[in-house]
PDB file of N, CA and C in Angstrom:
ATOM      1  N   UNK A   1    -127.199  40.508 -89.029  1.00  0.00           N
ATOM      2  CA  UNK A   1    -127.233  40.666 -87.587  1.00  0.00           C
ATOM      3  C   UNK A   1    -128.456  41.504 -87.200  1.00  0.00           C
ATOM      4  N   UNK A   2    -129.225  40.993 -86.263  1.00  0.00           N
ATOM      5  CA  UNK A   2    -130.438  41.681 -85.830  1.00  0.00           C
ATOM      6  C   UNK A   2    -130.110  42.783 -84.851  1.00  0.00           C
ATOM      7  N   UNK A   3    -130.896  43.819 -84.891  1.00  0.00           N
ATOM      8  CA  UNK A   3    -130.744  44.918 -83.946  1.00  0.00           C
ATOM      9  C   UNK A   3    -131.879  44.855 -82.943  1.00  0.00           C
ATOM     10  N   UNK A   4    -131.652  45.396 -81.778  1.00  0.00           N
ATOM     11  CA  UNK A   4    -132.686  45.417 -80.761  1.00  0.00           C
ATOM     12  C   UNK A   4    -132.676  44.170 -79.898  1.00  0.00           C
ATOM     13  N   UNK A   5    -133.639  44.109 -79.031  1.00  0.00           N
ATOM     14  CA  UNK A   5    -133.739  43.006 -78.075  1.00  0.00           C
ATOM     15  C   UNK A   5    -134.684  41.945 -78.585  1.00  0.00           C
ATOM     16  N   UNK A   6    -134.363  40.700 -78.242  1.00  0.00           N
ATOM     17  CA  UNK A   6    -135.233  39.579 -78.561  1.00  0.00           C
ATOM     18  C   UNK A   6    -136.366  39.514 -77.542  1.00  0.00           C
ATOM     19  N   UNK A   7    -137.390  38.750 -77.868  1.00  0.00           N
ATOM     20  CA  UNK A   7    -138.563  38.602 -77.013  1.00  0.00           C
ATOM     21  C   UNK A   7    -138.192  38.144 -75.604  1.00  0.00           C
ATOM     22  N   UNK A   8    -137.336  37.150 -75.490  1.00  0.00           N
ATOM     23  CA  UNK A   8    -136.973  36.608 -74.184  1.00  0.00           C
ATOM     24  C   UNK A   8    -136.282  37.654 -73.306  1.00  0.00           C
ATOM     25  N   UNK A   9    -135.445  38.460 -73.912  1.00  0.00           N
ATOM     26  CA  UNK A   9    -134.735  39.483 -73.150  1.00  0.00           C
ATOM     27  C   UNK A   9    -135.696  40.542 -72.616  1.00  0.00           C
ATOM     28  N   UNK A  10    -136.650  40.950 -73.429  1.00  0.00           N
ATOM     29  CA  UNK A  10    -137.650  41.932 -73.008  1.00  0.00           C
ATOM     30  C   UNK A  10    -138.534  41.342 -71.913  1.00  0.00           C
ATOM     31  N   UNK A  11    -138.946  40.077 -72.075  1.00  0.00           N
ATOM     32  CA  UNK A  11    -139.768  39.435 -71.050  1.00  0.00           C
ATOM     33  C   UNK A  11    -139.034  39.339 -69.724  1.00  0.00           C
ATOM     34  N   UNK A  12    -137.749  38.997 -69.759  1.00  0.00           N
ATOM     35  CA  UNK A  12    -136.952  38.903 -68.543  1.00  0.00           C
ATOM     36  C   UNK A  12    -136.852  40.263 -67.862  1.00  0.00           C
ATOM     37  N   UNK A  13    -136.646  41.314 -68.636  1.00  0.00           N
ATOM     38  CA  UNK A  13    -136.571  42.665 -68.072  1.00  0.00           C
ATOM     39  C   UNK A  13    -137.906  43.099 -67.476  1.00  0.00           C
ATOM     40  N   UNK A  14    -138.987  42.789 -68.176  1.00  0.00           N
ATOM     41  CA  UNK A  14    -140.320  43.144 -67.661  1.00  0.00           C
ATOM     42  C   UNK A  14    -140.638  42.393 -66.376  1.00  0.00           C
ATOM     43  N   UNK A  15    -140.341  41.090 -66.343  1.00  0.00           N
ATOM     44  CA  UNK A  15    -140.633  40.284 -65.153  1.00  0.00           C
ATOM     45  C   UNK A  15    -139.833  40.783 -63.951  1.00  0.00           C
ATOM     46  N   UNK A  16    -138.584  41.101 -64.155  1.00  0.00           N
ATOM     47  CA  UNK A  16    -137.771  41.631 -63.066  1.00  0.00           C
ATOM     48  C   UNK A  16    -138.286  42.966 -62.571  1.00  0.00           C
ATOM     49  N   UNK A  17    -138.679  43.831 -63.480  1.00  0.00           N
ATOM     50  CA  UNK A  17    -139.196  45.149 -63.101  1.00  0.00           C
ATOM     51  C   UNK A  17    -140.513  45.041 -62.338  1.00  0.00           C
ATOM     52  N   UNK A  18    -141.414  44.178 -62.819  1.00  0.00           N
ATOM     53  CA  UNK A  18    -142.708  44.010 -62.146  1.00  0.00           C
ATOM     54  C   UNK A  18    -142.516  43.393 -60.763  1.00  0.00           C
ATOM     55  N   UNK A  19    -141.603  42.436 -60.647  1.00  0.00           N
ATOM     56  CA  UNK A  19    -141.338  41.808 -59.352  1.00  0.00           C
ATOM     57  C   UNK A  19    -140.795  42.824 -58.356  1.00  0.00           C
ATOM     58  N   UNK A  20    -139.832  43.622 -58.775  1.00  0.00           N
ATOM     59  CA  UNK A  20    -139.283  44.653 -57.881  1.00  0.00           C
ATOM     60  C   UNK A  20    -140.327  45.691 -57.508  1.00  0.00           C
ATOM     61  N   UNK A  21    -141.124  46.114 -58.479  1.00  0.00           N
ATOM     62  CA  UNK A  21    -142.172  47.094 -58.214  1.00  0.00           C
ATOM     63  C   UNK A  21    -143.209  46.540 -57.244  1.00  0.00           C
ATOM     64  N   UNK A  22    -143.623  45.299 -57.430  1.00  0.00           N
ATOM     65  CA  UNK A  22    -144.632  44.732 -56.534  1.00  0.00           C
ATOM     66  C   UNK A  22    -144.085  44.532 -55.130  1.00  0.00           C
ATOM     67  N   UNK A  23    -142.806  44.196 -55.000  1.00  0.00           N
ATOM     68  CA  UNK A  23    -142.200  44.080 -53.670  1.00  0.00           C
ATOM     69  C   UNK A  23    -142.169  45.445 -52.980  1.00  0.00           C
ATOM     70  N   UNK A  24    -141.824  46.480 -53.734  1.00  0.00           N
ATOM     71  CA  UNK A  24    -141.807  47.829 -53.177  1.00  0.00           C
ATOM     72  C   UNK A  24    -143.213  48.266 -52.758  1.00  0.00           C
ATOM     73  N   UNK A  25    -144.195  47.998 -53.614  1.00  0.00           N
ATOM     74  CA  UNK A  25    -145.579  48.356 -53.292  1.00  0.00           C
ATOM     75  C   UNK A  25    -146.116  47.546 -52.114  1.00  0.00           C
ATOM     76  N   UNK A  26    -145.723  46.280 -52.009  1.00  0.00           N
ATOM     77  CA  UNK A  26    -146.154  45.462 -50.869  1.00  0.00           C
ATOM     78  C   UNK A  26    -145.578  46.015 -49.571  1.00  0.00           C
ATOM     79  N   UNK A  27    -144.364  46.493 -49.630  1.00  0.00           N
ATOM     80  CA  UNK A  27    -143.734  47.069 -48.445  1.00  0.00           C
ATOM     81  C   UNK A  27    -144.353  48.421 -48.091  1.00  0.00           C
ATOM     82  N   UNK A  28    -144.601  49.257 -49.106  1.00  0.00           N
ATOM     83  CA  UNK A  28    -145.026  50.634 -48.859  1.00  0.00           C
ATOM     84  C   UNK A  28    -146.546  50.805 -48.749  1.00  0.00           C
ATOM     85  N   UNK A  29    -147.319  49.965 -49.434  1.00  0.00           N
ATOM     86  CA  UNK A  29    -148.756  50.199 -49.520  1.00  0.00           C
ATOM     87  C   UNK A  29    -149.558  49.072 -48.871  1.00  0.00           C
ATOM     88  N   UNK A  30    -149.455  47.868 -49.446  1.00  0.00           N
ATOM     89  CA  UNK A  30    -150.282  46.762 -48.969  1.00  0.00           C
ATOM     90  C   UNK A  30    -149.650  45.428 -49.362  1.00  0.00           C
ATOM     91  N   UNK A  31    -149.690  44.445 -48.484  1.00  0.00           N
ATOM     92  CA  UNK A  31    -149.158  43.125 -48.837  1.00  0.00           C
ATOM     93  C   UNK A  31    -149.913  42.457 -49.990  1.00  0.00           C
ATOM     94  N   UNK A  32    -151.091  42.951 -50.312  1.00  0.00           N
ATOM     95  CA  UNK A  32    -151.858  42.400 -51.428  1.00  0.00           C
ATOM     96  C   UNK A  32    -151.119  42.559 -52.763  1.00  0.00           C
ATOM     97  N   UNK A  33    -150.179  43.484 -52.830  1.00  0.00           N
ATOM     98  CA  UNK A  33    -149.405  43.650 -54.064  1.00  0.00           C
ATOM     99  C   UNK A  33    -148.501  42.450 -54.336  1.00  0.00           C
ATOM    100  N   UNK A  34    -148.324  41.571 -53.358  1.00  0.00           N
ATOM    101  CA  UNK A  34    -147.551  40.353 -53.596  1.00  0.00           C
ATOM    102  C   UNK A  34    -148.266  39.417 -54.572  1.00  0.00           C
ATOM    103  N   UNK A  35    -149.571  39.614 -54.748  1.00  0.00           N
ATOM    104  CA  UNK A  35    -150.284  38.846 -55.766  1.00  0.00           C
ATOM    105  C   UNK A  35    -149.747  39.154 -57.165  1.00  0.00           C
ATOM    106  N   UNK A  36    -149.277  40.363 -57.374  1.00  0.00           N
ATOM    107  CA  UNK A  36    -148.664  40.725 -58.647  1.00  0.00           C
ATOM    108  C   UNK A  36    -147.376  39.928 -58.864  1.00  0.00           C
ATOM    109  N   UNK A  37    -146.616  39.731 -57.796  1.00  0.00           N
ATOM    110  CA  UNK A  37    -145.413  38.900 -57.874  1.00  0.00           C
ATOM    111  C   UNK A  37    -145.782  37.468 -58.239  1.00  0.00           C
ATOM    112  N   UNK A  38    -146.841  36.954 -57.605  1.00  0.00           N
ATOM    113  CA  UNK A  38    -147.287  35.592 -57.908  1.00  0.00           C
ATOM    114  C   UNK A  38    -147.733  35.472 -59.355  1.00  0.00           C
ATOM    115  N   UNK A  39    -148.479  36.442 -59.862  1.00  0.00           N
ATOM    116  CA  UNK A  39    -148.921  36.425 -61.251  1.00  0.00           C
ATOM    117  C   UNK A  39    -147.722  36.436 -62.200  1.00  0.00           C
ATOM    118  N   UNK A  40    -146.706  37.207 -61.871  1.00  0.00           N
ATOM    119  CA  UNK A  40    -145.507  37.259 -62.699  1.00  0.00           C
ATOM    120  C   UNK A  40    -144.811  35.899 -62.728  1.00  0.00           C
ATOM    121  N   UNK A  41    -144.715  35.251 -61.577  1.00  0.00           N
ATOM    122  CA  UNK A  41    -144.105  33.923 -61.527  1.00  0.00           C
ATOM    123  C   UNK A  41    -144.884  32.891 -62.319  1.00  0.00           C
ATOM    124  N   UNK A  42    -146.205  32.918 -62.211  1.00  0.00           N
ATOM    125  CA  UNK A  42    -147.047  31.990 -62.974  1.00  0.00           C
ATOM    126  C   UNK A  42    -146.890  32.252 -64.470  1.00  0.00           C
ATOM    127  N   UNK A  43    -146.823  33.505 -64.859  1.00  0.00           N
ATOM    128  CA  UNK A  43    -146.643  33.839 -66.277  1.00  0.00           C
ATOM    129  C   UNK A  43    -145.298  33.343 -66.794  1.00  0.00           C
ATOM    130  N   UNK A  44    -144.261  33.450 -65.971  1.00  0.00           N
ATOM    131  CA  UNK A  44    -142.949  32.954 -66.393  1.00  0.00           C
ATOM    132  C   UNK A  44    -142.989  31.444 -66.607  1.00  0.00           C
ATOM    133  N   UNK A  45    -143.648  30.719 -65.718  1.00  0.00           N
ATOM    134  CA  UNK A  45    -143.760  29.274 -65.894  1.00  0.00           C
ATOM    135  C   UNK A  45    -144.609  28.925 -67.099  1.00  0.00           C
ATOM    136  N   UNK A  46    -145.637  29.714 -67.372  1.00  0.00           N
ATOM    137  CA  UNK A  46    -146.437  29.495 -68.582  1.00  0.00           C
ATOM    138  C   UNK A  46    -145.550  29.594 -69.821  1.00  0.00           C
ATOM    139  N   UNK A  47    -144.667  30.599 -69.830  1.00  0.00           N
ATOM    140  CA  UNK A  47    -143.779  30.779 -70.980  1.00  0.00           C
ATOM    141  C   UNK A  47    -142.804  29.618 -71.097  1.00  0.00           C
ATOM    142  N   UNK A  48    -142.281  29.153 -69.970  1.00  0.00           N
ATOM    143  CA  UNK A  48    -141.342  28.027 -69.990  1.00  0.00           C
ATOM    144  C   UNK A  48    -142.019  26.766 -70.535  1.00  0.00           C
ATOM    145  N   UNK A  49    -143.230  26.503 -70.093  1.00  0.00           N
ATOM    146  CA  UNK A  49    -143.904  25.262 -70.455  1.00  0.00           C
ATOM    147  C   UNK A  49    -144.572  25.298 -71.831  1.00  0.00           C
ATOM    148  N   UNK A  50    -145.084  26.453 -72.236  1.00  0.00           N
ATOM    149  CA  UNK A  50    -145.852  26.516 -73.482  1.00  0.00           C
ATOM    150  C   UNK A  50    -145.226  27.386 -74.563  1.00  0.00           C
ATOM    151  N   UNK A  51    -144.299  28.249 -74.188  1.00  0.00           N
ATOM    152  CA  UNK A  51    -143.717  29.174 -75.155  1.00  0.00           C
ATOM    153  C   UNK A  51    -144.512  30.454 -75.309  1.00  0.00           C
ATOM    154  N   UNK A  52    -145.597  30.582 -74.535  1.00  0.00           N
ATOM    155  CA  UNK A  52    -146.439  31.784 -74.581  1.00  0.00           C
ATOM    156  C   UNK A  52    -146.873  32.173 -73.180  1.00  0.00           C
ATOM    157  N   UNK A  53    -147.050  33.450 -72.996  1.00  0.00           N
ATOM    158  CA  UNK A  53    -147.630  34.000 -71.775  1.00  0.00           C
ATOM    159  C   UNK A  53    -148.343  35.290 -72.194  1.00  0.00           C
ATOM    160  N   UNK A  54    -149.150  35.875 -71.324  1.00  0.00           N
ATOM    161  CA  UNK A  54    -149.863  37.091 -71.742  1.00  0.00           C
ATOM    162  C   UNK A  54    -148.930  38.187 -72.277  1.00  0.00           C
ATOM    163  N   UNK A  55    -147.823  38.401 -71.620  1.00  0.00           N
ATOM    164  CA  UNK A  55    -146.898  39.457 -72.064  1.00  0.00           C
ATOM    165  C   UNK A  55    -146.261  39.122 -73.409  1.00  0.00           C
ATOM    166  N   UNK A  56    -145.901  37.858 -73.621  1.00  0.00           N
ATOM    167  CA  UNK A  56    -145.260  37.495 -74.890  1.00  0.00           C
ATOM    168  C   UNK A  56    -146.227  37.650 -76.061  1.00  0.00           C
ATOM    169  N   UNK A  57    -147.484  37.299 -75.851  1.00  0.00           N
ATOM    170  CA  UNK A  57    -148.480  37.475 -76.919  1.00  0.00           C
ATOM    171  C   UNK A  57    -148.649  38.945 -77.268  1.00  0.00           C
ATOM    172  N   UNK A  58    -148.699  39.785 -76.248  1.00  0.00           N
ATOM    173  CA  UNK A  58    -148.841  41.221 -76.467  1.00  0.00           C
ATOM    174  C   UNK A  58    -147.611  41.800 -77.159  1.00  0.00           C
ATOM    175  N   UNK A  59    -146.429  41.414 -76.721  1.00  0.00           N
ATOM    176  CA  UNK A  59    -145.195  41.936 -77.322  1.00  0.00           C
ATOM    177  C   UNK A  59    -145.035  41.478 -78.769  1.00  0.00           C
ATOM    178  N   UNK A  60    -145.483  40.273 -79.065  1.00  0.00           N
ATOM    179  CA  UNK A  60    -145.405  39.797 -80.453  1.00  0.00           C
ATOM    180  C   UNK A  60    -146.356  40.563 -81.357  1.00  0.00           C
ATOM    181  N   UNK A  61    -147.584  40.772 -80.886  1.00  0.00           N
ATOM    182  CA  UNK A  61    -148.598  41.423 -81.734  1.00  0.00           C
ATOM    183  C   UNK A  61    -148.393  42.923 -81.848  1.00  0.00           C
ATOM    184  N   UNK A  62    -148.111  43.579 -80.731  1.00  0.00           N
ATOM    185  CA  UNK A  62    -148.029  45.039 -80.729  1.00  0.00           C
ATOM    186  C   UNK A  62    -146.657  45.534 -81.163  1.00  0.00           C
ATOM    187  N   UNK A  63    -145.603  44.927 -80.620  1.00  0.00           N
ATOM    188  CA  UNK A  63    -144.240  45.427 -80.877  1.00  0.00           C
ATOM    189  C   UNK A  63    -143.512  44.661 -81.975  1.00  0.00           C
ATOM    190  N   UNK A  64    -144.064  43.519 -82.382  1.00  0.00           N
ATOM    191  CA  UNK A  64    -143.421  42.749 -83.435  1.00  0.00           C
ATOM    192  C   UNK A  64    -142.145  42.050 -83.004  1.00  0.00           C
ATOM    193  N   UNK A  65    -141.973  41.814 -81.713  1.00  0.00           N
ATOM    194  CA  UNK A  65    -140.769  41.128 -81.240  1.00  0.00           C
ATOM    195  C   UNK A  65    -140.837  39.652 -81.587  1.00  0.00           C
ATOM    196  N   UNK A  66    -139.694  39.067 -81.838  1.00  0.00           N
ATOM    197  CA  UNK A  66    -139.589  37.657 -82.173  1.00  0.00           C
ATOM    198  C   UNK A  66    -138.650  36.966 -81.197  1.00  0.00           C
ATOM    199  N   UNK A  67    -138.845  35.651 -80.980  1.00  0.00           N
ATOM    200  CA  UNK A  67    -137.937  34.894 -80.120  1.00  0.00           C
ATOM    201  C   UNK A  67    -136.530  34.854 -80.706  1.00  0.00           C
ATOM    202  N   UNK A  68    -135.550  34.645 -79.847  1.00  0.00           N
ATOM    203  CA  UNK A  68    -134.157  34.597 -80.282  1.00  0.00           C
ATOM    204  C   UNK A  68    -133.903  33.418 -81.212  1.00  0.00           C
ATOM    205  N   UNK A  69    -134.607  32.300 -80.973  1.00  0.00           N
ATOM    206  CA  UNK A  69    -134.404  31.097 -81.791  1.00  0.00           C
ATOM    207  C   UNK A  69    -135.045  31.217 -83.176  1.00  0.00           C
ATOM    208  N   UNK A  70    -135.866  32.225 -83.358  1.00  0.00           N
ATOM    209  CA  UNK A  70    -136.507  32.428 -84.639  1.00  0.00           C
ATOM    210  C   UNK A  70    -137.731  31.567 -84.875  1.00  0.00           C
ATOM    211  N   UNK A  71    -138.303  31.031 -83.795  1.00  0.00           N
ATOM    212  CA  UNK A  71    -139.490  30.189 -83.934  1.00  0.00           C
ATOM    213  C   UNK A  71    -140.739  31.019 -84.043  1.00  0.00           C
TER     214      UNK A  71
END
């Protein structure tokens, strides 16, 4: 049995956190922070379609996280 979080779970947590943070910053500072929300959405679709996104590549190389399916 593996311990810790799988790559997908960490990516989901990061995407949710960045989306909430960018919405808060867009409300409090500048609507331009909504571009961060758009980038997060595009990255999520990249992961869905290709299995990789900038965050997943970084998490695999730096943190050694692996996908839940073991691919």
